[in-house]
């Protein structure tokens, strides 16, 4: 029997000591992430509808576009990606260490406080405590909770890394450890320069752009690639092709990724060299995407449902990188900047790229954490189809609307009401795509919690039968 045939099912022989000791905190992180994914899907659908129907839920201050968009972004980045990314990274580091998970109690405490922080942040945003900085819509009074929670969760990962049996490290470990270290660095600098002792003037936009891009290139992308670089060889049973180049791709991302943020400020009131450096580094980062594609191309051959999710994720991740490089060039940036085209790029990267890799790893990890197969294979197939369809519809419709919007904004004769009318059909289609993505998330939630409930019920029945036989 090959890994490809059993990846979404239980395989007791493929379990490690880290899973027996880390089962509770890891399942809590993964379960919390799925709940936040559904919440973010609902909020994203509301904001999508409000783009073409501004009066939708506009009478209530809490549900105005600015607040709902900030809540959707925060619940997705810190609720969904934060929980699932950290949970899978700890699971992978634990398995590769070959030892039991140390610091599991700290993970539980950290996970509780992390989700408390996300909840308080959503509440603060609903009341209007926004920062207006993309990817950083977190009220200042909540951020110390995130610092503490992240440190508590990361302890287990660092202990697994330092206590590993092998001196040699794999690419999945590189990306996991980099993500664990880089998030506190990014978050602390943003907190100091934007909250505690805020910088003045246009420098705020520069720091905000640096943080937003850094969260993607230095935290989210490494967490997603950590999962992909672990799952693909496990399922295929083969070494990754061109693996010698993986280190070059890793260091290119770490060294260059943090310099790309100012590409969103091309033409703004900043020194020209700042945006020029961002353009050069964004194009340089294309080398990283080429390496990732060369390494992970076995995923494109399929073999299991888990690998199918990762294959779509790799395609979207690499395609998004090339699109970023193209739109960073000034002739294209003047058209796509400050339009919904950037929403299309964000959707392609965050949901199409990172989230699809997480889904694939999630479907591989849960059976090994619980010792039980997924409750329904049909629900997995349904989510795969709906996710791919929703991504395709949403990205293409938003990209078309953005290009139309950018071209119309460049024409002084076209007024804003005309632009809104022209964009409306594309935005309606994008709302359909968002609805399909929400349905796919609901299928995952149903399958996960049904699997967990069934697992614990069966365990209780078996334990009661064994007790009766023993008596």
Protein backbone atom coordinates (compact mmCIF):
# COMPACT_ATOMS: atom_id res chain seq x y z
CA UNK A 1 0.00 0.00 0.00
CA UNK A 2 1.39 3.43 -0.93
CA UNK A 3 1.05 6.72 0.86
CA UNK A 4 -0.92 8.10 -2.07
CA UNK A 5 -3.78 5.69 -1.43
CA UNK A 6 -4.10 6.29 2.29
CA UNK A 7 -3.38 9.98 2.78
CA UNK A 8 -6.97 11.01 3.73
CA UNK A 9 -7.41 7.90 5.88
CA UNK A 10 -6.11 6.65 9.18
CA UNK A 11 -2.75 4.91 9.14
CA UNK A 12 -1.71 3.84 12.62
CA UNK A 13 1.70 2.71 11.37
CA UNK A 14 2.38 6.25 10.17
CA UNK A 15 1.81 7.89 13.56
CA UNK A 16 4.64 9.42 15.59
CA UNK A 17 5.23 10.01 19.33
CA UNK A 18 4.55 13.73 18.85
CA UNK A 19 0.94 13.00 17.88
CA UNK A 20 0.08 11.10 21.06
CA UNK A 21 1.35 13.94 23.29
CA UNK A 22 0.28 16.87 21.12
CA UNK A 23 -3.12 15.64 19.95
CA UNK A 24 -5.29 17.93 22.09
CA UNK A 25 -3.53 21.28 21.47
CA UNK A 26 -3.03 20.56 17.76
CA UNK A 27 -6.65 19.57 17.18
CA UNK A 28 -7.75 22.67 19.09
CA UNK A 29 -5.64 24.88 16.82
CA UNK A 30 -6.94 23.18 13.69
CA UNK A 31 -10.56 23.24 14.84
CA UNK A 32 -10.35 26.92 15.79
CA UNK A 33 -8.85 27.74 12.41
CA UNK A 34 -11.79 26.15 10.59
CA UNK A 35 -14.32 28.12 12.64
CA UNK A 36 -12.50 31.37 11.82
CA UNK A 37 -12.38 30.35 8.15
CA UNK A 38 -16.17 30.14 8.11
CA UNK A 39 -16.50 33.47 9.94
CA UNK A 40 -14.13 35.19 7.51
CA UNK A 41 -16.04 33.66 4.59
CA UNK A 42 -19.32 35.14 5.81
CA UNK A 43 -17.76 38.57 6.39
CA UNK A 44 -15.99 38.48 3.00
CA UNK A 45 -19.27 37.70 1.28
CA UNK A 46 -20.88 40.72 2.97
CA UNK A 47 -18.09 43.04 1.79
CA UNK A 48 -18.30 41.59 -1.72
CA UNK A 49 -22.03 42.31 -1.88
CA UNK A 50 -21.49 45.83 -0.55
CA UNK A 51 -19.14 46.60 -3.45
CA UNK A 52 -22.00 46.38 -5.96
CA UNK A 53 -24.91 47.06 -3.56
CA UNK A 54 -23.68 49.80 -1.19
CA UNK A 55 -26.96 49.92 0.76
CA UNK A 56 -26.61 46.31 1.89
CA UNK A 57 -26.45 46.34 5.75
CA UNK A 58 -25.30 49.98 5.57
CA UNK A 59 -27.78 51.22 8.18
CA UNK A 60 -25.90 49.58 11.06
CA UNK A 61 -22.49 51.10 11.97
CA UNK A 62 -21.05 47.68 12.82
CA UNK A 63 -21.78 46.29 9.35
CA UNK A 64 -20.49 49.20 7.27
CA UNK A 65 -18.00 48.26 4.56
CA UNK A 66 -14.82 49.50 6.27
CA UNK A 67 -15.46 47.67 9.52
CA UNK A 68 -16.66 44.42 7.96
CA UNK A 69 -13.69 44.34 5.58
CA UNK A 70 -11.28 44.81 8.50
CA UNK A 71 -13.05 42.06 10.46
CA UNK A 72 -12.96 39.70 7.46
CA UNK A 73 -9.25 40.31 6.92
CA UNK A 74 -8.35 39.87 10.61
CA UNK A 75 -10.39 36.70 11.06
CA UNK A 76 -8.81 35.23 7.91
CA UNK A 77 -5.17 36.20 8.53
CA UNK A 78 -4.93 35.76 12.30
CA UNK A 79 -7.88 33.44 12.90
CA UNK A 80 -7.69 30.97 10.01
CA UNK A 81 -4.08 31.21 8.82
CA UNK A 82 -2.59 31.88 12.27
CA UNK A 83 -4.20 28.81 13.83
CA UNK A 84 -3.86 26.35 10.97
CA UNK A 85 -0.37 27.51 9.99
CA UNK A 86 1.02 27.24 13.51
CA UNK A 87 -0.81 23.97 14.19
CA UNK A 88 0.56 22.29 11.07
CA UNK A 89 4.05 23.71 11.62
CA UNK A 90 4.16 22.27 15.16
CA UNK A 91 2.85 18.93 13.89
CA UNK A 92 5.49 18.74 11.14
CA UNK A 93 8.35 19.80 13.43
CA UNK A 94 7.20 17.22 15.98
CA UNK A 95 7.08 14.41 13.44
CA UNK A 96 10.48 15.27 12.01
CA UNK A 97 12.02 15.44 15.48
CA UNK A 98 11.05 11.83 16.22
CA UNK A 99 10.33 12.77 19.84
CA UNK A 100 7.28 13.47 21.97
CA UNK A 101 5.97 17.01 21.92
CA UNK A 102 7.42 19.07 24.75
CA UNK A 103 5.60 22.14 26.00
CA UNK A 104 2.15 20.88 24.95
CA UNK A 105 0.52 22.63 27.91
CA UNK A 106 2.05 25.92 26.79
CA UNK A 107 0.57 25.36 23.34
CA UNK A 108 -2.89 24.98 24.84
CA UNK A 109 -2.48 28.18 26.87
CA UNK A 110 -1.10 30.05 23.88
CA UNK A 111 -3.87 28.81 21.57
CA UNK A 112 -6.53 29.91 24.05
CA UNK A 113 -5.04 33.39 24.34
CA UNK A 114 -4.42 33.65 20.58
CA UNK A 115 -8.08 33.00 19.84
CA UNK A 116 -9.09 35.31 22.67
CA UNK A 117 -6.97 37.99 21.02
CA UNK A 118 -8.61 37.42 17.64
CA UNK A 119 -12.06 37.61 19.25
CA UNK A 120 -11.23 40.86 21.06
CA UNK A 121 -9.75 42.28 17.85
CA UNK A 122 -12.94 41.50 15.93
CA UNK A 123 -14.98 43.12 18.70
CA UNK A 124 -12.78 46.21 18.66
CA UNK A 125 -13.03 46.50 14.88
CA UNK A 126 -16.83 46.20 15.08
CA UNK A 127 -16.79 49.21 17.42
CA UNK A 128 -14.63 51.21 15.02
CA UNK A 129 -11.11 50.76 16.46
CA UNK A 130 -9.43 50.42 13.05
CA UNK A 131 -5.83 51.16 12.08
CA UNK A 132 -6.61 51.58 8.33
CA UNK A 133 -3.42 49.60 7.58
CA UNK A 134 -3.96 46.46 5.47
CA UNK A 135 -3.03 43.20 7.23
CA UNK A 136 -2.62 45.14 10.49
CA UNK A 137 -6.21 45.85 11.50
CA UNK A 138 -5.62 44.99 15.15
CA UNK A 139 -6.43 47.43 18.00
CA UNK A 140 -3.34 48.36 20.00
CA UNK A 141 -4.74 47.08 23.31
CA UNK A 142 -5.05 43.55 21.87
CA UNK A 143 -1.53 43.23 20.51
CA UNK A 144 0.21 42.33 23.82
CA UNK A 145 -2.09 39.30 23.99
CA UNK A 146 -0.85 38.22 20.55
CA UNK A 147 2.78 38.55 21.68
CA UNK A 148 2.24 36.35 24.73
CA UNK A 149 0.11 33.79 22.89
CA UNK A 150 2.52 33.44 19.99
CA UNK A 151 5.48 32.96 22.32
CA UNK A 152 3.64 30.23 24.24
CA UNK A 153 2.70 28.39 21.04
CA UNK A 154 6.16 28.69 19.46
CA UNK A 155 7.86 27.08 22.47
CA UNK A 156 6.85 23.58 21.38
CA UNK A 157 8.12 24.15 17.85
CA UNK A 158 11.49 25.42 19.03
CA UNK A 159 11.86 22.50 21.46
CA UNK A 160 11.07 20.03 18.67
CA UNK A 161 13.64 21.70 16.46
CA UNK A 162 16.44 21.83 19.05
CA UNK A 163 15.67 18.32 20.32
CA UNK A 164 15.54 16.63 16.93
CA UNK A 165 17.36 13.32 16.55
CA UNK A 166 18.98 14.20 13.20
CA UNK A 167 21.43 17.01 12.69
CA UNK A 168 20.33 17.35 9.06
CA UNK A 169 17.34 19.60 8.41
CA UNK A 170 14.72 19.41 5.68
CA UNK A 171 13.20 22.27 3.70
CA UNK A 172 9.93 22.01 5.64
CA UNK A 173 11.87 22.64 8.87
CA UNK A 174 13.63 25.66 7.37
CA UNK A 175 10.35 27.32 6.49
CA UNK A 176 8.65 26.41 9.78
CA UNK A 177 11.44 27.78 11.98
CA UNK A 178 11.79 30.91 9.84
CA UNK A 179 8.07 31.61 10.25
CA UNK A 180 8.22 31.07 14.03
CA UNK A 181 11.06 33.59 14.40
CA UNK A 182 10.05 36.19 11.81
CA UNK A 183 6.48 36.90 12.91
CA UNK A 184 7.48 38.36 16.33
CA UNK A 185 10.09 40.50 14.57
CA UNK A 186 7.57 41.87 12.06
CA UNK A 187 4.83 42.33 14.62
CA UNK A 188 7.03 44.06 17.20
CA UNK A 189 8.45 46.57 14.70
CA UNK A 190 4.96 47.37 13.40
CA UNK A 191 3.69 47.80 16.96
CA UNK A 192 6.49 50.20 17.90
CA UNK A 193 6.44 52.25 14.69
CA UNK A 194 2.68 52.33 14.13
CA UNK A 195 1.17 52.08 17.61
CA UNK A 196 3.52 52.70 20.56
CA UNK A 197 5.64 55.53 19.07
CA UNK A 198 4.05 56.10 15.65
CA UNK A 199 6.15 57.56 12.90
CA UNK A 200 4.83 60.62 11.08
CA UNK A 201 3.65 61.44 7.60
CA UNK A 202 4.28 59.26 4.61
CA UNK A 203 6.62 57.03 6.60
CA UNK A 204 3.53 55.41 8.11
CA UNK A 205 2.49 54.22 4.65
CA UNK A 206 6.00 52.86 4.02
CA UNK A 207 6.02 50.92 7.31
CA UNK A 208 2.47 49.71 6.73
CA UNK A 209 3.36 48.48 3.24
CA UNK A 210 6.49 46.80 4.58
CA UNK A 211 4.51 44.99 7.29
CA UNK A 212 1.66 43.91 4.99
CA UNK A 213 4.03 42.46 2.40
CA UNK A 214 6.28 41.01 5.09
CA UNK A 215 3.40 39.12 6.70
CA UNK A 216 2.81 37.45 3.35
CA UNK A 217 6.39 36.74 2.24
CA UNK A 218 7.98 36.10 5.64
CA UNK A 219 5.20 34.43 7.64
CA UNK A 220 2.23 33.14 5.66
CA UNK A 221 4.19 31.87 2.64
CA UNK A 222 6.80 30.02 4.79
CA UNK A 223 4.03 28.36 6.83
CA UNK A 224 2.28 27.21 3.64
CA UNK A 225 5.51 26.01 2.02
CA UNK A 226 6.44 24.16 5.21
CA UNK A 227 3.28 22.07 4.73
CA UNK A 228 3.80 21.54 1.00
CA UNK A 229 7.48 20.57 1.29
CA UNK A 230 6.55 17.96 3.90
CA UNK A 231 3.39 16.49 2.38
CA UNK A 232 4.45 16.14 -1.27
CA UNK A 233 7.41 13.76 -0.70
CA UNK A 234 5.47 11.88 1.98
CA UNK A 235 2.62 11.09 -0.38
CA UNK A 236 4.69 10.58 -3.53
CA UNK A 237 7.24 8.47 -1.67
CA UNK A 238 10.04 10.08 -3.70
CA UNK A 239 12.66 12.75 -3.23
CA UNK A 240 11.73 16.16 -4.55
CA UNK A 241 13.28 16.98 -7.94
CA UNK A 242 15.94 19.69 -8.04
CA UNK A 243 16.03 19.57 -4.24
CA UNK A 244 19.54 21.03 -4.20
CA UNK A 245 18.03 24.34 -5.30
CA UNK A 246 15.52 24.43 -2.42
CA UNK A 247 17.99 26.29 -0.19
CA UNK A 248 18.41 29.00 -2.86
CA UNK A 249 14.65 29.45 -3.06
CA UNK A 250 14.39 29.62 0.73
CA UNK A 251 17.09 32.26 1.17
CA UNK A 252 15.82 34.29 -1.77
CA UNK A 253 12.44 34.54 -0.06
CA UNK A 254 13.93 35.51 3.30
CA UNK A 255 16.48 38.02 2.01
CA UNK A 256 14.41 39.62 -0.74
CA UNK A 257 10.82 39.20 0.47
CA UNK A 258 10.90 41.95 3.07
CA UNK A 259 11.93 44.61 0.52
CA UNK A 260 8.91 44.31 -1.77
CA UNK A 261 6.30 46.21 0.24
CA UNK A 262 6.77 49.64 -1.35
CA UNK A 263 5.60 48.33 -4.73
CA UNK A 264 2.11 49.23 -3.54
CA UNK A 265 3.19 52.87 -3.24
CA UNK A 266 4.48 53.43 -6.79
CA UNK A 267 3.71 57.00 -7.77
CA UNK A 268 3.05 58.01 -4.17
CA UNK A 269 4.75 60.76 -2.17
CA UNK A 270 7.79 58.65 -1.29
CA UNK A 271 11.41 58.78 -2.53
CA UNK A 272 11.65 57.22 -5.98
CA UNK A 273 14.45 54.88 -4.90
CA UNK A 274 12.16 53.21 -2.31
CA UNK A 275 9.64 52.10 -4.91
CA UNK A 276 12.44 51.25 -7.36
CA UNK A 277 14.03 48.88 -4.83
CA UNK A 278 10.62 47.27 -4.31
CA UNK A 279 10.18 46.75 -8.05
CA UNK A 280 13.61 45.15 -8.44
CA UNK A 281 13.16 42.86 -5.44
CA UNK A 282 9.65 41.81 -6.52
CA UNK A 283 11.02 40.75 -9.90
CA UNK A 284 14.00 39.05 -8.23
CA UNK A 285 11.55 37.07 -6.11
CA UNK A 286 10.35 35.34 -9.28
CA UNK A 287 13.44 33.13 -8.93
CA UNK A 288 12.00 31.81 -5.67
CA UNK A 289 8.72 30.91 -7.37
CA UNK A 290 10.55 29.07 -10.13
CA UNK A 291 12.46 27.02 -7.54
CA UNK A 292 9.26 26.20 -5.66
CA UNK A 293 7.60 25.02 -8.87
CA UNK A 294 10.60 22.85 -9.80
CA UNK A 295 10.68 21.29 -6.34
CA UNK A 296 6.95 20.69 -5.90
CA UNK A 297 5.98 19.78 -9.46
CA UNK A 298 5.37 16.10 -8.48
CA UNK A 299 2.19 17.38 -6.83
CA UNK A 300 0.80 18.15 -10.29
CA UNK A 301 0.70 14.42 -11.04
CA UNK A 302 -1.97 13.90 -8.38
CA UNK A 303 -2.28 10.65 -6.46
CA UNK A 304 -4.58 11.60 -3.59
CA UNK A 305 -7.06 14.24 -2.50
CA UNK A 306 -4.47 15.82 -0.21
CA UNK A 307 -1.99 16.21 -3.03
CA UNK A 308 -4.69 17.64 -5.32
CA UNK A 309 -5.27 20.52 -2.90
CA UNK A 310 -1.53 21.17 -2.72
CA UNK A 311 -1.21 21.02 -6.52
CA UNK A 312 -3.79 23.79 -6.90
CA UNK A 313 -2.06 25.72 -4.14
CA UNK A 314 1.34 25.47 -5.84
CA UNK A 315 -0.12 26.61 -9.18
CA UNK A 316 -1.84 29.60 -7.58
CA UNK A 317 1.22 30.47 -5.47
CA UNK A 318 3.59 30.47 -8.47
CA UNK A 319 1.09 32.23 -10.74
CA UNK A 320 0.54 34.89 -8.09
CA UNK A 321 4.27 35.48 -7.84
CA UNK A 322 4.59 36.04 -11.57
CA UNK A 323 1.56 38.36 -11.57
CA UNK A 324 3.10 40.35 -8.69
CA UNK A 325 6.31 40.74 -10.68
CA UNK A 326 4.42 41.93 -13.75
CA UNK A 327 2.15 44.41 -11.95
CA UNK A 328 5.08 45.87 -10.00
CA UNK A 329 6.37 47.41 -13.26
CA UNK A 330 5.34 51.05 -13.49
CA UNK A 331 3.42 50.83 -16.83
CA UNK A 332 1.16 48.14 -15.33
CA UNK A 333 1.10 49.53 -11.78
CA UNK A 334 -0.50 52.81 -12.90
CA UNK A 335 -3.47 50.75 -14.13
CA UNK A 336 -3.85 48.16 -11.37
CA UNK A 337 -2.93 50.20 -8.28
CA UNK A 338 -5.79 51.23 -5.97
CA UNK A 339 -8.30 49.05 -7.82
CA UNK A 340 -10.02 45.76 -7.02
CA UNK A 341 -7.34 44.10 -9.14
CA UNK A 342 -5.25 44.05 -5.95
CA UNK A 343 -8.09 42.14 -4.28
CA UNK A 344 -7.81 39.56 -7.07
CA UNK A 345 -4.07 39.22 -6.42
CA UNK A 346 -4.68 38.89 -2.69
CA UNK A 347 -7.36 36.23 -3.24
CA UNK A 348 -5.05 34.29 -5.56
CA UNK A 349 -2.21 34.34 -3.04
CA UNK A 350 -3.98 33.92 0.30
CA UNK A 351 -6.80 31.55 -0.59
CA UNK A 352 -5.65 30.04 -3.87
CA UNK A 353 -2.03 29.63 -2.80
CA UNK A 354 -1.60 29.40 0.97
CA UNK A 355 -5.01 28.10 2.01
CA UNK A 356 -5.11 25.31 -0.57
CA UNK A 357 -1.72 24.09 0.67
CA UNK A 358 -3.06 24.18 4.21
CA UNK A 359 -6.15 22.20 3.17
CA UNK A 360 -3.99 19.49 1.65
CA UNK A 361 -1.84 19.24 4.79
CA UNK A 362 -4.94 19.32 7.00
CA UNK A 363 -6.49 16.35 5.23
CA UNK A 364 -3.22 14.46 5.65
CA UNK A 365 -2.63 15.41 9.31
CA UNK A 366 -6.02 14.89 10.97
CA UNK A 367 -6.24 11.10 10.39
CA UNK A 368 -2.79 10.72 11.93
CA UNK A 369 -3.70 12.90 14.90
CA UNK A 370 -6.96 11.08 15.62
CA UNK A 371 -6.18 7.59 14.35
CA UNK A 372 -9.48 7.76 12.47
CA UNK A 373 -10.32 8.24 8.81
CA UNK A 374 -12.18 11.31 7.63
CA UNK A 375 -15.90 10.98 8.08
CA UNK A 376 -16.74 11.57 4.42
CA UNK A 377 -14.61 11.32 1.30
CA UNK A 378 -17.45 12.90 -0.70
CA UNK A 379 -17.22 16.06 1.39
CA UNK A 380 -13.47 16.26 0.68
CA UNK A 381 -14.11 15.95 -3.05
CA UNK A 382 -16.89 18.52 -2.78
CA UNK A 383 -14.64 21.00 -1.04
CA UNK A 384 -11.88 20.47 -3.60
CA UNK A 385 -14.24 21.16 -6.50
CA UNK A 386 -15.99 24.14 -4.88
CA UNK A 387 -12.73 25.71 -3.70
CA UNK A 388 -11.15 25.49 -7.15
CA UNK A 389 -14.31 26.82 -8.81
CA UNK A 390 -14.73 29.63 -6.29
CA UNK A 391 -11.10 30.73 -6.65
CA UNK A 392 -11.34 30.73 -10.45
CA UNK A 393 -14.57 32.75 -10.54
CA UNK A 394 -13.53 35.24 -7.86
CA UNK A 395 -10.02 35.92 -9.14
CA UNK A 396 -10.99 36.28 -12.80
CA UNK A 397 -14.01 38.50 -12.11
CA UNK A 398 -12.10 40.78 -9.72
CA UNK A 399 -9.17 40.99 -12.13
CA UNK A 400 -11.49 41.96 -15.00
CA UNK A 401 -13.25 44.55 -12.82
CA UNK A 402 -9.90 45.95 -11.67
CA UNK A 403 -8.52 46.34 -15.18
CA UNK A 404 -11.74 48.05 -16.28
CA UNK A 405 -11.63 50.30 -13.21
CA UNK A 406 -7.98 51.24 -13.71
CA UNK A 407 -8.47 52.04 -17.38
CA UNK A 408 -11.55 54.16 -16.63
CA UNK A 409 -9.88 56.06 -13.79
CA UNK A 410 -7.13 57.10 -16.21
CA UNK A 411 -9.76 58.82 -18.36
CA UNK A 412 -10.75 62.17 -16.85
CA UNK A 413 -13.98 62.18 -18.88
CA UNK A 414 -15.39 59.10 -17.08
CA UNK A 415 -17.11 59.85 -13.75
CA UNK A 416 -17.24 57.53 -10.75
CA UNK A 417 -20.90 56.58 -11.16
CA UNK A 418 -20.19 55.37 -14.70
CA UNK A 419 -17.23 53.32 -13.46
CA UNK A 420 -19.38 51.74 -10.74
CA UNK A 421 -22.05 50.83 -13.30
CA UNK A 422 -19.49 49.24 -15.62
CA UNK A 423 -17.93 47.22 -12.81
CA UNK A 424 -21.19 45.96 -11.30
CA UNK A 425 -21.65 42.81 -13.46
CA UNK A 426 -18.11 41.63 -12.65
CA UNK A 427 -18.57 42.34 -8.95
CA UNK A 428 -21.84 40.37 -8.96
CA UNK A 429 -19.96 37.39 -10.38
CA UNK A 430 -17.26 37.86 -7.73
CA UNK A 431 -19.96 37.63 -5.04
CA UNK A 432 -21.06 34.31 -6.52
CA UNK A 433 -17.46 33.15 -6.28
CA UNK A 434 -17.28 34.24 -2.64
CA UNK A 435 -20.49 32.33 -1.92
CA UNK A 436 -19.06 29.17 -3.48
CA UNK A 437 -15.89 29.54 -1.38
CA UNK A 438 -18.05 29.92 1.74
CA UNK A 439 -19.89 26.69 0.88
CA UNK A 440 -16.56 24.91 0.46
CA UNK A 441 -15.47 26.10 3.92
CA UNK A 442 -18.73 24.84 5.41
CA UNK A 443 -18.07 21.40 3.90
CA UNK A 444 -14.66 21.33 5.59
CA UNK A 445 -16.16 22.39 8.92
CA UNK A 446 -18.89 19.74 8.69
CA UNK A 447 -16.41 17.02 7.81
CA UNK A 448 -13.87 17.99 10.48
CA UNK A 449 -16.25 18.22 13.43
CA UNK A 450 -18.16 15.15 12.32
CA UNK A 451 -14.86 13.27 12.21
CA UNK A 452 -13.80 14.53 15.66
CA UNK A 453 -17.15 13.73 17.25
CA UNK A 454 -17.27 10.28 15.67
CA UNK A 455 -13.69 9.59 16.79
CA UNK A 456 -14.37 10.37 20.43
CA UNK A 457 -17.69 8.51 20.45
CA UNK A 458 -16.01 5.40 19.04
CA UNK A 459 -13.18 5.67 21.56
CA UNK A 460 -15.69 5.90 24.40
CA UNK A 461 -17.62 2.88 23.11
CA UNK A 462 -14.47 0.79 22.71
CA UNK A 463 -13.18 1.75 26.15
CA UNK A 464 -16.54 0.89 27.76
CA UNK A 465 -16.59 -2.51 26.01
CA UNK A 466 -13.04 -3.25 27.11
CA UNK A 467 -13.97 -2.31 30.67
CA UNK A 468 -17.00 -4.58 30.59
CA UNK A 469 -14.93 -7.49 29.24
CA UNK A 470 -12.25 -6.93 31.88
CA UNK A 471 -14.82 -6.90 34.66
